Protein backbone atom coordinates (compact mmCIF):
# COMPACT_ATOMS: atom_id res chain seq x y z
CA UNK A 1 -0.11 -0.15 0.08
CA UNK A 2 1.01 3.48 -0.95
CA UNK A 3 1.56 6.43 1.07
CA UNK A 4 -1.82 8.62 0.64
CA UNK A 5 -5.11 6.69 0.96
CA UNK A 6 -7.68 8.30 -0.68
CA UNK A 7 -11.43 8.01 0.52
CA UNK A 8 -14.12 9.65 -1.58
CA UNK A 9 -18.17 9.55 -1.55
CA UNK A 10 -20.98 11.76 -2.09
CA UNK A 11 -21.67 14.77 0.58
CA UNK A 12 -23.92 13.63 3.28
CA UNK A 13 -23.60 9.82 2.02
CA UNK A 14 -20.35 8.53 3.40
CA UNK A 15 -20.19 4.79 3.82
CA UNK A 16 -17.72 4.44 6.27
CA UNK A 17 -14.09 3.23 6.84
CA UNK A 18 -12.68 1.40 3.71
CA UNK A 19 -15.83 1.61 2.44
CA UNK A 20 -15.26 4.54 0.89
CA UNK A 21 -11.86 3.93 0.02
CA UNK A 22 -10.89 4.85 -3.60
CA UNK A 23 -6.78 3.67 -3.86
CA UNK A 24 -3.57 4.01 -2.47
CA UNK A 25 -0.89 6.60 -4.28
CA UNK A 26 2.59 7.32 -3.94
CA UNK A 27 2.43 11.36 -4.10
CA UNK A 28 -0.04 13.83 -3.33
CA UNK A 29 -0.10 15.19 -6.56
CA UNK A 30 -1.31 11.38 -7.85
CA UNK A 31 -3.77 11.23 -5.52
CA UNK A 32 -5.43 14.69 -6.43
CA UNK A 33 -5.05 14.05 -10.19
CA UNK A 34 -7.48 10.65 -9.67
CA UNK A 35 -10.20 12.04 -8.00
CA UNK A 36 -12.83 13.26 -10.35
CA UNK A 37 -14.63 16.76 -10.62
CA UNK A 38 -17.97 15.49 -9.39
CA UNK A 39 -20.32 17.89 -7.87
CA UNK A 40 -20.91 16.85 -4.34
CA UNK A 41 -17.96 14.25 -3.72
CA UNK A 42 -16.26 14.64 -1.09
CA UNK A 43 -12.60 13.49 -0.53
CA UNK A 44 -10.07 13.06 2.43
CA UNK A 45 -6.55 11.98 2.15
CA UNK A 46 -4.79 10.39 4.45
CA UNK A 47 -0.76 9.90 5.11
CA UNK A 48 -0.43 6.37 5.79
CA UNK A 49 2.58 7.13 8.16
CA UNK A 50 0.96 9.46 10.38
CA UNK A 51 -2.69 8.54 9.77
CA UNK A 52 -3.82 11.95 9.51
CA UNK A 53 -6.21 13.68 6.86
CA UNK A 54 -3.56 15.93 5.39
CA UNK A 55 -6.40 17.57 2.56
CA UNK A 56 -10.33 17.21 2.43
CA UNK A 57 -13.09 18.60 0.75
CA UNK A 58 -15.39 18.84 -2.00
CA UNK A 59 -13.44 17.22 -5.19
CA UNK A 60 -14.22 20.45 -6.97
CA UNK A 61 -11.93 22.27 -5.10
CA UNK A 62 -9.25 19.49 -5.06
CA UNK A 63 -6.65 21.78 -6.60
CA UNK A 64 -6.91 24.86 -4.22
CA UNK A 65 -5.32 24.66 -0.64
CA UNK A 66 -7.68 25.81 2.30
CA UNK A 67 -4.71 28.28 3.64
CA UNK A 68 -5.51 30.50 0.43
CA UNK A 69 -9.15 30.97 1.04
CA UNK A 70 -9.63 34.41 2.95
CA UNK A 71 -12.46 36.35 3.93
CA UNK A 72 -12.72 39.13 2.10
CA UNK A 73 -13.99 42.40 4.55
CA UNK A 74 -16.83 44.56 2.86
CA UNK A 75 -15.47 47.81 1.27
CA UNK A 76 -15.15 50.55 3.67
CA UNK A 77 -13.72 48.45 6.50
């Protein structure tokens, strides 16, 4: 089994654990490239070494890192 474990399911309908397992990949880029951009599909990528979720979200936003999303203050503030 490779380093990055990918789990995917439609939002609100997870089956749980390895029922949602897609595949494992050697690199994070490979894991992200194998996700289909489907509306409503959610993903989690787990680092097998640490067993921590390192990326998650809707597949439509798979190429965006959460730290780059920032709230904009309304004009005049």
